[in-house]
Amino acid sequence: MHLAYIGLGSNLHDPAEQVRAALRALDAIEATRVAAQSSLYRSQPVGDAAQPEFVNAAARVESALDAHTLLARLLAVEQAAGRVRTRPNGPRTLDLDLLLFDDLRIDSAQLSVPHPRMHERAFVLIPLIEIAPDIVIPGRGPAGDWLARTDRQGVQRLGT
């Protein structure tokens, strides 16, 4: 079994419920199970600020699927949730990012692992560290060290 970490985010159509539904959908992917999930967090949009706030979370999954196949399943979950890619960093019903996959470094046309900007984003690091306090980003070092250097970007834990 492979160990993967997935970042989840939404800012359209009841974002908290979109993220909760996505967590259930991840658990339904064949040969895959959600082993841990973070709390939900509210965050400000990055890049295109003229859009609603996001709800973010992280999940640790165990999967027999390889990284590219798992990514394909994540994209299918996004599509089923109504994801339409209109512009970079634009609003979205659901965004699923394959952050880490085992301790591998992958750089292909379809997939970059570790996610190339995860170490700069509090909305990724805070939920990730909640479920994996000692997680190390391959090629970068401990996620906690990166969070200590990162602006918290207004990330707030939601009550539920």
C-alpha atoms as a PDB file:
ATOM      1  CA  MET A   1       0.000   0.000   0.000  1.00  0.00           C
ATOM      2  CA  HIS A   2       1.094   3.519  -0.781  1.00  0.00           C
ATOM      3  CA  LEU A   3       0.674   6.447   1.577  1.00  0.00           C
ATOM      4  CA  ALA A   4      -0.561   9.666  -0.028  1.00  0.00           C
ATOM      5  CA  TYR A   5      -1.614  13.070   1.262  1.00  0.00           C
ATOM      6  CA  ILE A   6      -4.309  15.021  -0.520  1.00  0.00           C
ATOM      7  CA  GLY A   7      -5.203  18.690  -0.160  1.00  0.00           C
ATOM      8  CA  LEU A   8      -8.884  19.531  -0.548  1.00  0.00           C
ATOM      9  CA  GLY A   9     -10.443  22.917  -1.216  1.00  0.00           C
ATOM     10  CA  SER A  10     -13.686  24.528  -2.354  1.00  0.00           C
ATOM     11  CA  ASN A  11     -15.199  27.986  -2.488  1.00  0.00           C
ATOM     12  CA  LEU A  12     -18.451  27.434  -4.405  1.00  0.00           C
ATOM     13  CA  HIS A  13     -21.806  25.756  -3.722  1.00  0.00           C
ATOM     14  CA  ASP A  14     -21.541  25.152   0.047  1.00  0.00           C
ATOM     15  CA  PRO A  15     -17.764  24.675   0.249  1.00  0.00           C
ATOM     16  CA  ALA A  16     -17.775  22.834   3.585  1.00  0.00           C
ATOM     17  CA  GLU A  17     -20.199  20.257   2.233  1.00  0.00           C
ATOM     18  CA  GLN A  18     -18.203  19.977  -1.013  1.00  0.00           C
ATOM     19  CA  VAL A  19     -15.100  19.090   1.023  1.00  0.00           C
ATOM     20  CA  ARG A  20     -17.010  16.622   3.228  1.00  0.00           C
ATOM     21  CA  ALA A  21     -18.503  14.951   0.133  1.00  0.00           C
ATOM     22  CA  ALA A  22     -15.044  14.777  -1.436  1.00  0.00           C
ATOM     23  CA  LEU A  23     -13.672  13.011   1.645  1.00  0.00           C
ATOM     24  CA  ARG A  24     -16.435  10.409   1.289  1.00  0.00           C
ATOM     25  CA  ALA A  25     -15.655  10.099  -2.434  1.00  0.00           C
ATOM     26  CA  LEU A  26     -11.949   9.559  -1.698  1.00  0.00           C
ATOM     27  CA  ASP A  27     -12.856   6.720   0.616  1.00  0.00           C
ATOM     28  CA  ALA A  28     -14.924   5.181  -2.200  1.00  0.00           C
ATOM     29  CA  ILE A  29     -12.046   5.065  -4.720  1.00  0.00           C
ATOM     30  CA  GLU A  30     -11.133   1.450  -5.432  1.00  0.00           C
ATOM     31  CA  ALA A  31      -8.226   0.024  -3.438  1.00  0.00           C
ATOM     32  CA  THR A  32      -8.053   3.267  -1.447  1.00  0.00           C
ATOM     33  CA  ARG A  33      -9.140   4.313   2.022  1.00  0.00           C
ATOM     34  CA  VAL A  34      -9.018   7.554   3.962  1.00  0.00           C
ATOM     35  CA  ALA A  35      -6.836   6.818   6.998  1.00  0.00           C
ATOM     36  CA  ALA A  36      -7.039  10.322   8.514  1.00  0.00           C
ATOM     37  CA  GLN A  37      -8.653  13.639   7.762  1.00  0.00           C
ATOM     38  CA  SER A  38      -8.033  17.084   9.161  1.00  0.00           C
ATOM     39  CA  SER A  39     -10.470  19.611  10.477  1.00  0.00           C
ATOM     40  CA  LEU A  40     -11.948  22.060   8.005  1.00  0.00           C
ATOM     41  CA  TYR A  41     -10.252  25.450   7.660  1.00  0.00           C
ATOM     42  CA  ARG A  42     -11.370  28.759   6.180  1.00  0.00           C
ATOM     43  CA  SER A  43      -8.808  30.615   4.065  1.00  0.00           C
ATOM     44  CA  GLN A  44      -8.536  33.635   1.820  1.00  0.00           C
ATOM     45  CA  PRO A  45      -8.128  33.070  -1.929  1.00  0.00           C
ATOM     46  CA  VAL A  46      -4.582  33.183  -3.294  1.00  0.00           C
ATOM     47  CA  GLY A  47      -3.948  35.033  -6.541  1.00  0.00           C
ATOM     48  CA  ASP A  48      -7.416  36.037  -7.720  1.00  0.00           C
ATOM     49  CA  ALA A  49      -8.761  37.732  -4.572  1.00  0.00           C
ATOM     50  CA  ALA A  50     -12.130  38.682  -6.102  1.00  0.00           C
ATOM     51  CA  GLN A  51     -13.837  35.443  -5.101  1.00  0.00           C
ATOM     52  CA  PRO A  52     -15.327  33.815  -2.001  1.00  0.00           C
ATOM     53  CA  GLU A  53     -13.252  32.394   0.858  1.00  0.00           C
ATOM     54  CA  PHE A  54     -12.159  28.772   0.619  1.00  0.00           C
ATOM     55  CA  VAL A  55     -12.745  25.806   2.869  1.00  0.00           C
ATOM     56  CA  ASN A  56      -9.685  23.546   2.981  1.00  0.00           C
ATOM     57  CA  ALA A  57      -8.708  20.226   4.537  1.00  0.00           C
ATOM     58  CA  ALA A  58      -6.138  17.472   4.145  1.00  0.00           C
ATOM     59  CA  ALA A  59      -6.481  13.701   4.020  1.00  0.00           C
ATOM     60  CA  ARG A  60      -4.048  10.839   4.447  1.00  0.00           C
ATOM     61  CA  VAL A  61      -4.994   7.937   2.207  1.00  0.00           C
ATOM     62  CA  GLU A  62      -3.674   4.427   1.847  1.00  0.00           C
ATOM     63  CA  SER A  63      -3.945   3.151  -1.705  1.00  0.00           C
ATOM     64  CA  ALA A  64      -2.831   0.260  -3.855  1.00  0.00           C
ATOM     65  CA  LEU A  65      -3.033   2.606  -6.859  1.00  0.00           C
ATOM     66  CA  ASP A  66       0.093   4.169  -8.342  1.00  0.00           C
ATOM     67  CA  ALA A  67       0.430   7.968  -8.214  1.00  0.00           C
ATOM     68  CA  HIS A  68      -0.757   8.651 -11.772  1.00  0.00           C
ATOM     69  CA  THR A  69      -3.798   6.405 -11.406  1.00  0.00           C
ATOM     70  CA  LEU A  70      -4.674   7.993  -8.072  1.00  0.00           C
ATOM     71  CA  LEU A  71      -4.388  11.446  -9.667  1.00  0.00           C
ATOM     72  CA  ALA A  72      -6.767  10.337 -12.437  1.00  0.00           C
ATOM     73  CA  ARG A  73      -9.289   9.234  -9.788  1.00  0.00           C
ATOM     74  CA  LEU A  74      -8.922  12.604  -7.998  1.00  0.00           C
ATOM     75  CA  LEU A  75      -9.631  14.442 -11.247  1.00  0.00           C
ATOM     76  CA  ALA A  76     -12.725  12.268 -11.768  1.00  0.00           C
ATOM     77  CA  VAL A  77     -13.972  13.191  -8.269  1.00  0.00           C
ATOM     78  CA  GLU A  78     -13.439  16.876  -9.106  1.00  0.00           C
ATOM     79  CA  GLN A  79     -15.340  16.489 -12.359  1.00  0.00           C
ATOM     80  CA  ALA A  80     -18.211  14.672 -10.628  1.00  0.00           C
ATOM     81  CA  ALA A  81     -18.431  17.626  -8.218  1.00  0.00           C
ATOM     82  CA  GLY A  82     -18.869  19.990 -11.169  1.00  0.00           C
ATOM     83  CA  ARG A  83     -15.321  21.368 -11.362  1.00  0.00           C
ATOM     84  CA  VAL A  84     -14.853  23.654 -14.356  1.00  0.00           C
ATOM     85  CA  ARG A  85     -11.377  25.040 -14.997  1.00  0.00           C
ATOM     86  CA  THR A  86     -12.022  28.550 -16.306  1.00  0.00           C
ATOM     87  CA  ARG A  87      -8.884  30.379 -15.128  1.00  0.00           C
ATOM     88  CA  PRO A  88      -5.868  29.708 -12.908  1.00  0.00           C
ATOM     89  CA  ASN A  89      -6.574  30.227  -9.193  1.00  0.00           C
ATOM     90  CA  GLY A  90     -10.227  30.952  -9.986  1.00  0.00           C
ATOM     91  CA  PRO A  91     -13.264  29.862  -7.992  1.00  0.00           C
ATOM     92  CA  ARG A  92     -14.013  26.158  -7.926  1.00  0.00           C
ATOM     93  CA  THR A  93     -16.505  23.676  -6.589  1.00  0.00           C
ATOM     94  CA  LEU A  94     -13.693  21.310  -5.681  1.00  0.00           C
ATOM     95  CA  ASP A  95      -9.926  21.178  -5.900  1.00  0.00           C
ATOM     96  CA  LEU A  96      -8.038  17.984  -5.022  1.00  0.00           C
ATOM     97  CA  ASP A  97      -4.255  18.145  -5.015  1.00  0.00           C
ATOM     98  CA  LEU A  98      -1.999  15.126  -4.659  1.00  0.00           C
ATOM     99  CA  LEU A  99       0.469  16.706  -2.242  1.00  0.00           C
ATOM    100  CA  LEU A 100       2.710  13.767  -1.338  1.00  0.00           C
ATOM    101  CA  PHE A 101       2.967  10.151  -2.470  1.00  0.00           C
ATOM    102  CA  ASP A 102       5.125   7.926  -0.282  1.00  0.00           C
ATOM    103  CA  ASP A 103       8.473   9.708  -0.156  1.00  0.00           C
ATOM    104  CA  LEU A 104       8.667   9.974  -3.937  1.00  0.00           C
ATOM    105  CA  ARG A 105       9.584  12.927  -6.082  1.00  0.00           C
ATOM    106  CA  ILE A 106       7.676  12.824  -9.377  1.00  0.00           C
ATOM    107  CA  ASP A 107       7.962  15.362 -12.165  1.00  0.00           C
ATOM    108  CA  SER A 108       5.966  14.447 -15.248  1.00  0.00           C
ATOM    109  CA  ALA A 109       3.758  16.376 -17.636  1.00  0.00           C
ATOM    110  CA  GLN A 110       0.693  15.262 -15.654  1.00  0.00           C
ATOM    111  CA  LEU A 111       1.957  15.245 -12.077  1.00  0.00           C
ATOM    112  CA  SER A 112       4.413  17.003  -9.789  1.00  0.00           C
ATOM    113  CA  VAL A 113       4.927  15.483  -6.343  1.00  0.00           C
ATOM    114  CA  PRO A 114       5.558  16.959  -3.870  1.00  0.00           C
ATOM    115  CA  HIS A 115       3.057  19.584  -4.939  1.00  0.00           C
ATOM    116  CA  PRO A 116       5.300  22.428  -6.141  1.00  0.00           C
ATOM    117  CA  ARG A 117       3.846  25.233  -3.983  1.00  0.00           C
ATOM    118  CA  MET A 118       2.616  23.344  -0.933  1.00  0.00           C
ATOM    119  CA  HIS A 119       5.488  24.550   1.261  1.00  0.00           C
ATOM    120  CA  GLU A 120       4.427  28.186   0.663  1.00  0.00           C
ATOM    121  CA  ARG A 121       0.751  27.808   1.537  1.00  0.00           C
ATOM    122  CA  ALA A 122      -0.552  27.876   5.079  1.00  0.00           C
ATOM    123  CA  PHE A 123      -3.937  26.556   3.900  1.00  0.00           C
ATOM    124  CA  VAL A 124      -2.105  23.365   2.860  1.00  0.00           C
ATOM    125  CA  LEU A 125       0.437  23.116   5.665  1.00  0.00           C
ATOM    126  CA  ILE A 126      -1.880  23.721   8.635  1.00  0.00           C
ATOM    127  CA  PRO A 127      -4.340  20.875   7.882  1.00  0.00           C
ATOM    128  CA  LEU A 128      -1.491  18.624   6.716  1.00  0.00           C
ATOM    129  CA  ILE A 129       0.448  19.090   9.954  1.00  0.00           C
ATOM    130  CA  GLU A 130      -2.741  18.482  11.949  1.00  0.00           C
ATOM    131  CA  ILE A 131      -2.893  14.904  10.639  1.00  0.00           C
ATOM    132  CA  ALA A 132       0.874  14.355  10.238  1.00  0.00           C
ATOM    133  CA  PRO A 133       2.760  16.566  12.714  1.00  0.00           C
ATOM    134  CA  ASP A 134       6.199  15.246  11.741  1.00  0.00           C
ATOM    135  CA  ILE A 135       5.648  15.044   7.981  1.00  0.00           C
ATOM    136  CA  VAL A 136       8.678  15.758   5.805  1.00  0.00           C
ATOM    137  CA  ILE A 137       8.330  17.218   2.321  1.00  0.00           C
ATOM    138  CA  PRO A 138      10.806  15.312   0.118  1.00  0.00           C
ATOM    139  CA  GLY A 139      13.536  17.643  -1.086  1.00  0.00           C
ATOM    140  CA  ARG A 140      12.380  20.463   1.226  1.00  0.00           C
ATOM    141  CA  GLY A 141      12.408  19.180   4.800  1.00  0.00           C
ATOM    142  CA  PRO A 142       9.925  19.207   7.696  1.00  0.00           C
ATOM    143  CA  ALA A 143       6.566  20.808   6.878  1.00  0.00           C
ATOM    144  CA  GLY A 144       6.539  22.372  10.350  1.00  0.00           C
ATOM    145  CA  ASP A 145       9.700  24.310   9.520  1.00  0.00           C
ATOM    146  CA  TRP A 146       8.021  25.684   6.404  1.00  0.00           C
ATOM    147  CA  LEU A 147       4.894  26.632   8.312  1.00  0.00           C
ATOM    148  CA  ALA A 148       7.010  28.561  10.829  1.00  0.00           C
ATOM    149  CA  ARG A 149       8.333  30.677   7.917  1.00  0.00           C
ATOM    150  CA  THR A 150       4.973  31.088   6.169  1.00  0.00           C
ATOM    151  CA  ASP A 151       2.435  33.852   6.588  1.00  0.00           C
ATOM    152  CA  ARG A 152      -0.666  32.255   8.129  1.00  0.00           C
ATOM    153  CA  GLN A 153      -2.707  33.923   5.364  1.00  0.00           C
ATOM    154  CA  GLY A 154      -5.778  34.266   7.595  1.00  0.00           C
ATOM    155  CA  VAL A 155      -6.297  30.500   7.847  1.00  0.00           C
ATOM    156  CA  GLN A 156      -8.834  29.709  10.582  1.00  0.00           C
ATOM    157  CA  ARG A 157     -10.114  26.380  11.847  1.00  0.00           C
ATOM    158  CA  LEU A 158     -13.869  25.970  11.436  1.00  0.00           C
ATOM    159  CA  GLY A 159     -15.984  24.772  14.343  1.00  0.00           C
ATOM    160  CA  THR A 160     -17.156  21.639  12.513  1.00  0.00           C
END
